[in-house]
Amino acid sequence: MLISNEYIFLNDSMKGLPAPLAYFSGSDEMALTVSFLENLTKVPRFDTLIMFLSSKDKDDLAKTWDEVFYYEVIPIEFAEKLDNLRTKYCLK
């Protein structure tokens, strides 16, 4: 079975998320991170790619998301965007 380049790009991009997301020193970094996450959703067939992530990958993403976004104080201008993005990434 061949894996599409889009899946490889998305999977590689998501594996790199924990490092840049783990350390916010200001709203510029938060804005960049939210922008990155929003733009990933614009990758062609993003919904399909997310649907085919393994349950382990989804669990890892959800764990990282929670560690970064739910245990930190998030400025209100990003909180709503992050809630919407969580839905797009199919995280419960």
N, C-alpha and C. Protein backbone atom coordinates (compact mmCIF):
# COMPACT_ATOMS: atom_id res chain seq x y z
N MET A 1 0.85 -1.19 0.00
CA MET A 1 0.00 0.00 0.00
C MET A 1 0.88 1.24 0.00
N LEU A 2 0.60 2.14 -0.88
CA LEU A 2 1.36 3.39 -0.95
C LEU A 2 0.75 4.42 -0.02
N ILE A 3 1.59 5.21 0.57
CA ILE A 3 1.13 6.29 1.44
C ILE A 3 1.33 7.59 0.68
N SER A 4 0.30 8.40 0.64
CA SER A 4 0.38 9.64 -0.12
C SER A 4 1.36 10.62 0.52
N ASN A 5 1.89 11.50 -0.31
CA ASN A 5 2.80 12.54 0.18
C ASN A 5 2.11 13.45 1.18
N GLU A 6 0.80 13.68 1.00
CA GLU A 6 0.08 14.54 1.93
C GLU A 6 0.04 13.94 3.32
N TYR A 7 -0.17 12.61 3.40
CA TYR A 7 -0.19 11.95 4.71
C TYR A 7 1.18 12.05 5.36
N ILE A 8 2.22 11.80 4.58
CA ILE A 8 3.58 11.88 5.12
C ILE A 8 3.85 13.29 5.62
N PHE A 9 3.48 14.32 4.85
CA PHE A 9 3.69 15.70 5.27
C PHE A 9 2.95 15.99 6.57
N LEU A 10 1.69 15.61 6.62
CA LEU A 10 0.89 15.88 7.81
C LEU A 10 1.42 15.12 9.01
N ASN A 11 1.73 13.86 8.82
CA ASN A 11 2.23 13.04 9.91
C ASN A 11 3.56 13.59 10.42
N ASP A 12 4.46 13.95 9.51
CA ASP A 12 5.74 14.53 9.91
C ASP A 12 5.54 15.87 10.60
N SER A 13 4.61 16.66 10.12
CA SER A 13 4.34 17.97 10.73
C SER A 13 3.81 17.81 12.14
N MET A 14 2.94 16.85 12.34
CA MET A 14 2.35 16.66 13.66
C MET A 14 3.36 16.09 14.64
N LYS A 15 4.28 15.27 14.16
CA LYS A 15 5.32 14.73 15.04
C LYS A 15 6.21 15.85 15.54
N GLY A 16 6.36 16.90 14.76
CA GLY A 16 7.20 18.01 15.18
C GLY A 16 6.50 18.99 16.10
N LEU A 17 5.21 18.84 16.31
CA LEU A 17 4.47 19.81 17.10
C LEU A 17 4.88 19.92 18.56
N PRO A 18 5.13 18.84 19.27
CA PRO A 18 5.39 18.99 20.71
C PRO A 18 6.52 19.94 21.06
N ALA A 19 7.60 19.92 20.31
CA ALA A 19 8.72 20.80 20.65
C ALA A 19 8.36 22.28 20.55
N PRO A 20 7.85 22.75 19.40
CA PRO A 20 7.53 24.17 19.34
C PRO A 20 6.35 24.56 20.21
N LEU A 21 5.44 23.65 20.46
CA LEU A 21 4.27 23.99 21.25
C LEU A 21 4.57 24.02 22.74
N ALA A 22 5.60 23.35 23.15
CA ALA A 22 5.84 23.16 24.58
C ALA A 22 6.26 24.44 25.29
N TYR A 23 6.80 25.39 24.58
CA TYR A 23 7.35 26.56 25.24
C TYR A 23 6.83 27.84 24.60
N PHE A 24 5.96 28.53 25.29
CA PHE A 24 5.46 29.81 24.83
C PHE A 24 6.06 30.89 25.70
N SER A 25 6.71 31.84 25.06
CA SER A 25 7.24 32.94 25.86
C SER A 25 6.44 34.22 25.62
N GLY A 26 5.43 34.15 24.77
CA GLY A 26 4.63 35.34 24.52
C GLY A 26 3.55 35.07 23.50
N SER A 27 2.76 36.10 23.24
CA SER A 27 1.63 35.93 22.33
C SER A 27 2.09 35.74 20.89
N ASP A 28 3.29 36.21 20.53
CA ASP A 28 3.77 36.01 19.17
C ASP A 28 3.95 34.52 18.87
N GLU A 29 4.52 33.79 19.82
CA GLU A 29 4.70 32.36 19.63
C GLU A 29 3.35 31.65 19.58
N MET A 30 2.43 32.07 20.42
CA MET A 30 1.10 31.47 20.43
C MET A 30 0.41 31.75 19.10
N ALA A 31 0.50 32.97 18.61
CA ALA A 31 -0.12 33.33 17.33
C ALA A 31 0.48 32.49 16.20
N LEU A 32 1.78 32.31 16.21
CA LEU A 32 2.44 31.50 15.18
C LEU A 32 1.97 30.05 15.25
N THR A 33 1.87 29.52 16.44
CA THR A 33 1.44 28.13 16.62
C THR A 33 0.00 27.94 16.16
N VAL A 34 -0.88 28.84 16.56
CA VAL A 34 -2.29 28.74 16.15
C VAL A 34 -2.39 28.87 14.64
N SER A 35 -1.63 29.78 14.06
CA SER A 35 -1.62 29.95 12.61
C SER A 35 -1.15 28.67 11.92
N PHE A 36 -0.11 28.06 12.46
CA PHE A 36 0.41 26.81 11.90
C PHE A 36 -0.67 25.73 11.94
N LEU A 37 -1.33 25.59 13.07
CA LEU A 37 -2.38 24.57 13.21
C LEU A 37 -3.56 24.86 12.28
N GLU A 38 -3.91 26.14 12.13
CA GLU A 38 -5.01 26.51 11.22
C GLU A 38 -4.63 26.19 9.78
N ASN A 39 -3.41 26.53 9.39
CA ASN A 39 -2.99 26.31 8.01
C ASN A 39 -2.85 24.83 7.68
N LEU A 40 -2.50 24.01 8.65
CA LEU A 40 -2.46 22.57 8.39
C LEU A 40 -3.83 22.05 8.00
N THR A 41 -4.89 22.65 8.54
CA THR A 41 -6.24 22.20 8.20
C THR A 41 -6.61 22.53 6.76
N LYS A 42 -5.83 23.37 6.11
CA LYS A 42 -6.08 23.76 4.72
C LYS A 42 -5.35 22.87 3.72
N VAL A 43 -4.56 21.92 4.23
CA VAL A 43 -3.89 20.96 3.35
C VAL A 43 -4.97 20.16 2.63
N PRO A 44 -4.83 19.96 1.30
CA PRO A 44 -5.83 19.17 0.60
C PRO A 44 -6.06 17.82 1.28
N ARG A 45 -7.31 17.47 1.42
CA ARG A 45 -7.74 16.21 2.03
C ARG A 45 -7.35 16.08 3.50
N PHE A 46 -7.22 17.20 4.18
CA PHE A 46 -6.85 17.17 5.60
C PHE A 46 -7.78 16.28 6.41
N ASP A 47 -9.08 16.43 6.19
CA ASP A 47 -10.06 15.64 6.95
C ASP A 47 -9.84 14.14 6.75
N THR A 48 -9.54 13.76 5.52
CA THR A 48 -9.29 12.36 5.23
C THR A 48 -8.01 11.89 5.91
N LEU A 49 -7.00 12.73 5.87
CA LEU A 49 -5.73 12.37 6.51
C LEU A 49 -5.90 12.18 8.01
N ILE A 50 -6.64 13.06 8.63
CA ILE A 50 -6.89 12.95 10.08
C ILE A 50 -7.66 11.67 10.38
N MET A 51 -8.62 11.37 9.53
CA MET A 51 -9.44 10.19 9.74
C MET A 51 -8.60 8.90 9.74
N PHE A 52 -7.53 8.89 8.95
CA PHE A 52 -6.71 7.68 8.83
C PHE A 52 -5.49 7.67 9.75
N LEU A 53 -5.38 8.63 10.64
CA LEU A 53 -4.31 8.56 11.64
C LEU A 53 -4.57 7.37 12.56
N SER A 54 -3.52 6.74 12.99
CA SER A 54 -3.69 5.62 13.91
C SER A 54 -4.23 6.13 15.24
N SER A 55 -4.82 5.25 15.99
CA SER A 55 -5.34 5.66 17.30
C SER A 55 -4.21 6.11 18.21
N LYS A 56 -3.02 5.52 18.07
CA LYS A 56 -1.87 5.95 18.86
C LYS A 56 -1.48 7.38 18.50
N ASP A 57 -1.44 7.69 17.19
CA ASP A 57 -1.12 9.06 16.77
C ASP A 57 -2.15 10.05 17.30
N LYS A 58 -3.43 9.68 17.23
CA LYS A 58 -4.48 10.57 17.74
C LYS A 58 -4.35 10.75 19.26
N ASP A 59 -4.04 9.67 19.96
CA ASP A 59 -3.85 9.76 21.41
C ASP A 59 -2.66 10.65 21.76
N ASP A 60 -1.57 10.49 21.01
CA ASP A 60 -0.38 11.32 21.24
C ASP A 60 -0.68 12.79 20.99
N LEU A 61 -1.39 13.06 19.90
CA LEU A 61 -1.75 14.43 19.58
C LEU A 61 -2.66 15.02 20.65
N ALA A 62 -3.65 14.26 21.09
CA ALA A 62 -4.58 14.73 22.13
C ALA A 62 -3.84 15.00 23.43
N LYS A 63 -2.92 14.11 23.78
CA LYS A 63 -2.15 14.29 25.02
C LYS A 63 -1.29 15.56 24.94
N THR A 64 -0.62 15.75 23.82
CA THR A 64 0.21 16.95 23.64
C THR A 64 -0.65 18.20 23.66
N TRP A 65 -1.78 18.14 22.96
CA TRP A 65 -2.71 19.27 22.90
C TRP A 65 -3.14 19.67 24.31
N ASP A 66 -3.54 18.66 25.10
CA ASP A 66 -3.99 18.93 26.47
C ASP A 66 -2.87 19.49 27.34
N GLU A 67 -1.68 18.91 27.22
CA GLU A 67 -0.55 19.38 28.03
C GLU A 67 -0.21 20.83 27.73
N VAL A 68 -0.31 21.19 26.47
CA VAL A 68 0.09 22.54 26.07
C VAL A 68 -1.04 23.54 26.24
N PHE A 69 -2.24 23.20 25.74
CA PHE A 69 -3.30 24.19 25.67
C PHE A 69 -4.26 24.19 26.85
N TYR A 70 -4.36 23.11 27.58
CA TYR A 70 -5.33 23.08 28.67
C TYR A 70 -4.72 23.25 30.04
N TYR A 71 -3.42 23.11 30.13
CA TYR A 71 -2.77 23.29 31.43
C TYR A 71 -2.01 24.60 31.49
N GLU A 72 -2.17 25.43 30.48
CA GLU A 72 -1.55 26.75 30.43
C GLU A 72 -2.66 27.79 30.36
N VAL A 73 -2.33 28.99 30.76
CA VAL A 73 -3.29 30.10 30.62
C VAL A 73 -3.21 30.56 29.17
N ILE A 74 -4.33 30.45 28.48
CA ILE A 74 -4.40 30.79 27.06
C ILE A 74 -5.15 32.11 26.92
N PRO A 75 -4.56 33.08 26.21
CA PRO A 75 -5.28 34.33 25.98
C PRO A 75 -6.61 34.07 25.27
N ILE A 76 -7.62 34.82 25.62
CA ILE A 76 -8.97 34.60 25.12
C ILE A 76 -9.05 34.64 23.59
N GLU A 77 -8.22 35.46 22.95
CA GLU A 77 -8.28 35.55 21.49
C GLU A 77 -7.86 34.25 20.81
N PHE A 78 -7.14 33.40 21.53
CA PHE A 78 -6.72 32.12 20.96
C PHE A 78 -7.59 30.96 21.45
N ALA A 79 -8.24 31.11 22.57
CA ALA A 79 -9.00 30.00 23.17
C ALA A 79 -10.11 29.50 22.24
N GLU A 80 -10.88 30.40 21.65
CA GLU A 80 -11.96 29.99 20.76
C GLU A 80 -11.42 29.32 19.51
N LYS A 81 -10.35 29.88 18.94
CA LYS A 81 -9.73 29.28 17.76
C LYS A 81 -9.25 27.87 18.07
N LEU A 82 -8.64 27.70 19.23
CA LEU A 82 -8.12 26.38 19.61
C LEU A 82 -9.24 25.38 19.83
N ASP A 83 -10.35 25.82 20.38
CA ASP A 83 -11.50 24.93 20.54
C ASP A 83 -12.02 24.47 19.18
N ASN A 84 -12.10 25.40 18.23
CA ASN A 84 -12.54 25.05 16.88
C ASN A 84 -11.55 24.11 16.20
N LEU A 85 -10.26 24.39 16.40
CA LEU A 85 -9.24 23.54 15.79
C LEU A 85 -9.25 22.13 16.38
N ARG A 86 -9.50 22.04 17.66
CA ARG A 86 -9.56 20.72 18.31
C ARG A 86 -10.60 19.85 17.61
N THR A 87 -11.72 20.43 17.24
CA THR A 87 -12.76 19.70 16.52
C THR A 87 -12.26 19.27 15.14
N LYS A 88 -11.57 20.17 14.44
CA LYS A 88 -11.06 19.84 13.11
C LYS A 88 -10.03 18.72 13.15
N TYR A 89 -9.27 18.66 14.25
CA TYR A 89 -8.28 17.60 14.41
C TYR A 89 -8.90 16.33 15.00
N CYS A 90 -10.22 16.33 15.17
CA CYS A 90 -10.97 15.17 15.68
C CYS A 90 -10.46 14.71 17.04
N LEU A 91 -10.16 15.66 17.91
CA LEU A 91 -9.71 15.34 19.26
C LEU A 91 -10.88 15.50 20.20
N LYS A 92 -11.12 14.51 21.02
CA LYS A 92 -12.26 14.54 21.94
C LYS A 92 -11.91 15.25 23.21
